[in-house]
Amino acid sequence: MKLRLVLCAAIFVLAAIIGVREVKASPQIRIGSPCVISIPAEWGDFKGISKFGLVFEEQGGTLRIIDQMPCDTEGGYHGVPNVSVEVRRK
């Protein structure tokens, strides 16, 4: 127990002797643009994210889970995202 106390005191004294320097954060640099995808309006509303991808539900109840989205960092259009699962209601 005394050894721990001596070690803690020694570390404290050493830190006081060396001095504590203030570290300033530099602003983050953004490289490139964010990924932009286009979802057809007829696919309906965004419902959430599953472990399989993004989920959209149209008015008729059909669910579409999309994955492997064609990203465009230039703001253009690269086609419709890949629908991995489509659940239809009858």
N, C-alpha and C. Protein backbone atom coordinates (compact mmCIF):
# COMPACT_ATOMS: atom_id res chain seq x y z
N MET A 1 0.82 -1.19 0.00
CA MET A 1 0.00 0.00 0.00
C MET A 1 0.86 1.26 0.00
N LYS A 2 1.93 1.23 0.82
CA LYS A 2 2.82 2.38 0.88
C LYS A 2 3.55 2.56 -0.45
N LEU A 3 3.86 1.44 -1.09
CA LEU A 3 4.55 1.51 -2.38
C LEU A 3 3.68 2.20 -3.44
N ARG A 4 2.38 1.87 -3.44
CA ARG A 4 1.46 2.51 -4.39
C ARG A 4 1.37 4.01 -4.12
N LEU A 5 1.30 4.38 -2.86
CA LEU A 5 1.22 5.79 -2.50
C LEU A 5 2.47 6.53 -2.94
N VAL A 6 3.63 5.91 -2.74
CA VAL A 6 4.90 6.53 -3.15
C VAL A 6 4.95 6.66 -4.67
N LEU A 7 4.51 5.63 -5.41
CA LEU A 7 4.50 5.69 -6.87
C LEU A 7 3.56 6.77 -7.39
N CYS A 8 2.38 6.86 -6.80
CA CYS A 8 1.42 7.90 -7.22
C CYS A 8 1.98 9.29 -6.96
N ALA A 9 2.61 9.47 -5.80
CA ALA A 9 3.20 10.77 -5.47
C ALA A 9 4.33 11.10 -6.43
N ALA A 10 5.14 10.09 -6.78
CA ALA A 10 6.25 10.32 -7.69
C ALA A 10 5.75 10.72 -9.08
N ILE A 11 4.70 10.06 -9.54
CA ILE A 11 4.12 10.39 -10.86
C ILE A 11 3.55 11.80 -10.83
N PHE A 12 2.89 12.17 -9.74
CA PHE A 12 2.31 13.51 -9.61
C PHE A 12 3.41 14.57 -9.63
N VAL A 13 4.49 14.34 -8.88
CA VAL A 13 5.59 15.29 -8.83
C VAL A 13 6.26 15.40 -10.19
N LEU A 14 6.47 14.27 -10.86
CA LEU A 14 7.08 14.28 -12.19
C LEU A 14 6.22 15.05 -13.19
N ALA A 15 4.92 14.85 -13.13
CA ALA A 15 4.02 15.58 -14.03
C ALA A 15 4.06 17.07 -13.74
N ALA A 16 4.16 17.45 -12.46
CA ALA A 16 4.22 18.87 -12.10
C ALA A 16 5.53 19.49 -12.57
N ILE A 17 6.62 18.73 -12.51
CA ILE A 17 7.92 19.25 -12.95
C ILE A 17 7.93 19.45 -14.46
N ILE A 18 7.45 18.45 -15.19
CA ILE A 18 7.43 18.52 -16.65
C ILE A 18 6.46 19.60 -17.12
N GLY A 19 5.36 19.72 -16.43
CA GLY A 19 4.35 20.70 -16.80
C GLY A 19 3.33 20.10 -17.74
N VAL A 20 2.15 20.59 -17.66
CA VAL A 20 1.07 20.11 -18.51
C VAL A 20 0.93 21.08 -19.66
N ARG A 21 1.03 20.55 -20.86
CA ARG A 21 0.91 21.39 -22.04
C ARG A 21 -0.53 21.37 -22.54
N GLU A 22 -0.97 22.48 -23.03
CA GLU A 22 -2.31 22.57 -23.60
C GLU A 22 -2.24 22.15 -25.06
N VAL A 23 -3.09 21.23 -25.44
CA VAL A 23 -3.13 20.75 -26.81
C VAL A 23 -4.32 21.39 -27.50
N LYS A 24 -4.07 22.01 -28.62
CA LYS A 24 -5.14 22.66 -29.38
C LYS A 24 -5.58 21.75 -30.51
N ALA A 25 -6.88 21.65 -30.68
CA ALA A 25 -7.44 20.84 -31.76
C ALA A 25 -7.42 21.64 -33.05
N SER A 26 -7.04 20.99 -34.12
CA SER A 26 -7.08 21.65 -35.41
C SER A 26 -8.42 21.34 -36.09
N PRO A 27 -8.89 22.22 -36.95
CA PRO A 27 -10.17 21.96 -37.62
C PRO A 27 -10.07 20.72 -38.51
N GLN A 28 -11.19 20.02 -38.61
CA GLN A 28 -11.21 18.83 -39.44
C GLN A 28 -11.23 19.23 -40.91
N ILE A 29 -10.50 18.49 -41.69
CA ILE A 29 -10.44 18.74 -43.13
C ILE A 29 -11.34 17.73 -43.82
N ARG A 30 -12.27 18.22 -44.60
CA ARG A 30 -13.18 17.33 -45.33
C ARG A 30 -12.57 17.02 -46.69
N ILE A 31 -12.41 15.74 -46.93
CA ILE A 31 -11.84 15.31 -48.21
C ILE A 31 -12.97 14.76 -49.08
N GLY A 32 -13.18 15.36 -50.21
CA GLY A 32 -14.21 14.90 -51.12
C GLY A 32 -15.61 15.31 -50.66
N SER A 33 -16.59 14.89 -51.40
CA SER A 33 -17.99 15.19 -51.10
C SER A 33 -18.66 13.96 -50.52
N PRO A 34 -19.81 14.15 -49.86
CA PRO A 34 -20.53 12.98 -49.33
C PRO A 34 -21.14 12.15 -50.46
N CYS A 35 -21.46 10.92 -50.13
CA CYS A 35 -22.13 10.03 -51.08
C CYS A 35 -23.56 10.51 -51.28
N VAL A 36 -23.99 10.65 -52.53
CA VAL A 36 -25.34 11.09 -52.86
C VAL A 36 -26.01 10.00 -53.69
N ILE A 37 -27.18 9.54 -53.25
CA ILE A 37 -27.94 8.56 -54.03
C ILE A 37 -29.32 9.13 -54.31
N SER A 38 -29.96 8.63 -55.36
CA SER A 38 -31.31 9.06 -55.73
C SER A 38 -32.25 7.87 -55.64
N ILE A 39 -33.31 8.02 -54.86
CA ILE A 39 -34.32 6.98 -54.68
C ILE A 39 -35.57 7.40 -55.43
N PRO A 40 -36.14 6.52 -56.28
CA PRO A 40 -37.38 6.87 -56.98
C PRO A 40 -38.51 7.19 -56.00
N ALA A 41 -39.25 8.25 -56.28
CA ALA A 41 -40.33 8.68 -55.38
C ALA A 41 -41.39 7.61 -55.20
N GLU A 42 -41.62 6.79 -56.23
CA GLU A 42 -42.66 5.76 -56.14
C GLU A 42 -42.29 4.63 -55.16
N TRP A 43 -41.05 4.59 -54.70
CA TRP A 43 -40.66 3.59 -53.70
C TRP A 43 -41.22 3.94 -52.32
N GLY A 44 -41.75 5.14 -52.18
CA GLY A 44 -42.40 5.53 -50.93
C GLY A 44 -41.46 6.16 -49.93
N ASP A 45 -41.88 6.05 -48.66
CA ASP A 45 -41.17 6.71 -47.57
C ASP A 45 -40.05 5.84 -46.99
N PHE A 46 -39.03 6.52 -46.53
CA PHE A 46 -37.93 5.85 -45.84
C PHE A 46 -38.46 5.37 -44.48
N LYS A 47 -38.26 4.10 -44.17
CA LYS A 47 -38.77 3.54 -42.92
C LYS A 47 -37.68 3.24 -41.91
N GLY A 48 -36.45 3.06 -42.36
CA GLY A 48 -35.38 2.80 -41.42
C GLY A 48 -34.23 2.04 -42.05
N ILE A 49 -33.36 1.56 -41.18
CA ILE A 49 -32.18 0.82 -41.62
C ILE A 49 -32.20 -0.54 -40.96
N SER A 50 -32.01 -1.58 -41.74
CA SER A 50 -31.89 -2.93 -41.20
C SER A 50 -30.46 -3.39 -41.42
N LYS A 51 -30.13 -4.56 -40.92
CA LYS A 51 -28.78 -5.06 -41.16
C LYS A 51 -28.56 -5.42 -42.62
N PHE A 52 -29.63 -5.42 -43.41
CA PHE A 52 -29.54 -5.74 -44.83
C PHE A 52 -29.47 -4.50 -45.71
N GLY A 53 -29.84 -3.32 -45.19
CA GLY A 53 -29.79 -2.10 -45.99
C GLY A 53 -30.85 -1.10 -45.57
N LEU A 54 -31.12 -0.14 -46.45
CA LEU A 54 -32.13 0.89 -46.20
C LEU A 54 -33.50 0.37 -46.59
N VAL A 55 -34.54 0.68 -45.81
CA VAL A 55 -35.89 0.16 -46.04
C VAL A 55 -36.82 1.30 -46.46
N PHE A 56 -37.55 1.08 -47.56
CA PHE A 56 -38.55 2.02 -48.06
C PHE A 56 -39.87 1.29 -48.19
N GLU A 57 -40.99 2.00 -47.89
CA GLU A 57 -42.32 1.41 -48.01
C GLU A 57 -43.21 2.30 -48.86
N GLU A 58 -43.78 1.71 -49.92
CA GLU A 58 -44.69 2.47 -50.78
C GLU A 58 -46.10 2.41 -50.20
N GLN A 59 -47.03 3.17 -50.79
CA GLN A 59 -48.40 3.26 -50.27
C GLN A 59 -49.13 1.93 -50.25
N GLY A 60 -48.84 1.04 -51.21
CA GLY A 60 -49.49 -0.26 -51.27
C GLY A 60 -48.97 -1.26 -50.25
N GLY A 61 -47.94 -0.88 -49.50
CA GLY A 61 -47.39 -1.76 -48.49
C GLY A 61 -46.14 -2.52 -48.90
N THR A 62 -45.74 -2.39 -50.18
CA THR A 62 -44.53 -3.08 -50.63
C THR A 62 -43.31 -2.47 -49.95
N LEU A 63 -42.48 -3.34 -49.39
CA LEU A 63 -41.23 -2.93 -48.76
C LEU A 63 -40.07 -3.22 -49.70
N ARG A 64 -39.14 -2.31 -49.81
CA ARG A 64 -37.92 -2.53 -50.59
C ARG A 64 -36.73 -2.28 -49.68
N ILE A 65 -35.83 -3.24 -49.66
CA ILE A 65 -34.58 -3.09 -48.91
C ILE A 65 -33.48 -2.95 -49.94
N ILE A 66 -32.77 -1.84 -49.88
CA ILE A 66 -31.73 -1.59 -50.88
C ILE A 66 -30.34 -1.68 -50.24
N ASP A 67 -29.40 -2.17 -51.04
CA ASP A 67 -28.00 -2.21 -50.63
C ASP A 67 -27.15 -1.89 -51.85
N GLN A 68 -25.88 -1.80 -51.68
CA GLN A 68 -24.94 -1.51 -52.76
C GLN A 68 -25.40 -0.31 -53.58
N MET A 69 -25.54 0.82 -52.90
CA MET A 69 -26.02 2.02 -53.54
C MET A 69 -24.95 2.63 -54.46
N PRO A 70 -25.36 3.04 -55.65
CA PRO A 70 -24.40 3.67 -56.57
C PRO A 70 -24.10 5.09 -56.11
N CYS A 71 -22.99 5.28 -55.44
CA CYS A 71 -22.63 6.60 -54.91
C CYS A 71 -22.10 7.51 -55.99
N ASP A 72 -22.42 8.78 -55.83
CA ASP A 72 -21.88 9.80 -56.71
C ASP A 72 -21.41 10.94 -55.82
N THR A 73 -20.15 11.25 -55.88
CA THR A 73 -19.62 12.33 -55.07
C THR A 73 -19.58 13.65 -55.82
N GLU A 74 -20.06 13.65 -57.06
CA GLU A 74 -20.06 14.87 -57.87
C GLU A 74 -21.45 15.47 -58.02
N GLY A 75 -22.47 14.84 -57.40
CA GLY A 75 -23.82 15.38 -57.47
C GLY A 75 -24.62 14.92 -58.67
N GLY A 76 -24.08 14.04 -59.49
CA GLY A 76 -24.78 13.53 -60.67
C GLY A 76 -25.66 12.35 -60.32
N TYR A 77 -26.16 11.67 -61.33
CA TYR A 77 -27.07 10.54 -61.14
C TYR A 77 -26.43 9.29 -61.71
N HIS A 78 -26.36 8.24 -60.91
CA HIS A 78 -25.70 7.01 -61.33
C HIS A 78 -26.66 5.83 -61.41
N GLY A 79 -27.94 6.06 -61.57
CA GLY A 79 -28.90 4.97 -61.70
C GLY A 79 -29.58 4.63 -60.39
N VAL A 80 -30.46 3.67 -60.46
CA VAL A 80 -31.27 3.26 -59.31
C VAL A 80 -30.46 2.31 -58.43
N PRO A 81 -30.56 2.46 -57.10
CA PRO A 81 -29.87 1.54 -56.20
C PRO A 81 -30.36 0.10 -56.37
N ASN A 82 -29.54 -0.85 -55.95
CA ASN A 82 -29.84 -2.25 -56.06
C ASN A 82 -30.86 -2.66 -54.98
N VAL A 83 -32.00 -3.23 -55.40
CA VAL A 83 -33.00 -3.74 -54.45
C VAL A 83 -32.61 -5.19 -54.13
N SER A 84 -32.22 -5.41 -52.86
CA SER A 84 -31.82 -6.78 -52.49
C SER A 84 -33.02 -7.62 -52.09
N VAL A 85 -34.05 -7.00 -51.50
CA VAL A 85 -35.25 -7.72 -51.08
C VAL A 85 -36.47 -6.84 -51.36
N GLU A 86 -37.52 -7.44 -51.94
CA GLU A 86 -38.78 -6.75 -52.16
C GLU A 86 -39.89 -7.61 -51.57
N VAL A 87 -40.62 -7.04 -50.62
CA VAL A 87 -41.72 -7.76 -49.95
C VAL A 87 -43.01 -7.12 -50.42
N ARG A 88 -43.86 -7.91 -51.12
CA ARG A 88 -45.11 -7.38 -51.66
C ARG A 88 -46.30 -7.87 -50.85
N ARG A 89 -47.27 -6.99 -50.68
CA ARG A 89 -48.52 -7.34 -50.01
C ARG A 89 -49.58 -7.59 -51.04
N LYS A 90 -50.42 -8.61 -50.81
CA LYS A 90 -51.50 -8.92 -51.75
C LYS A 90 -52.83 -8.65 -51.14
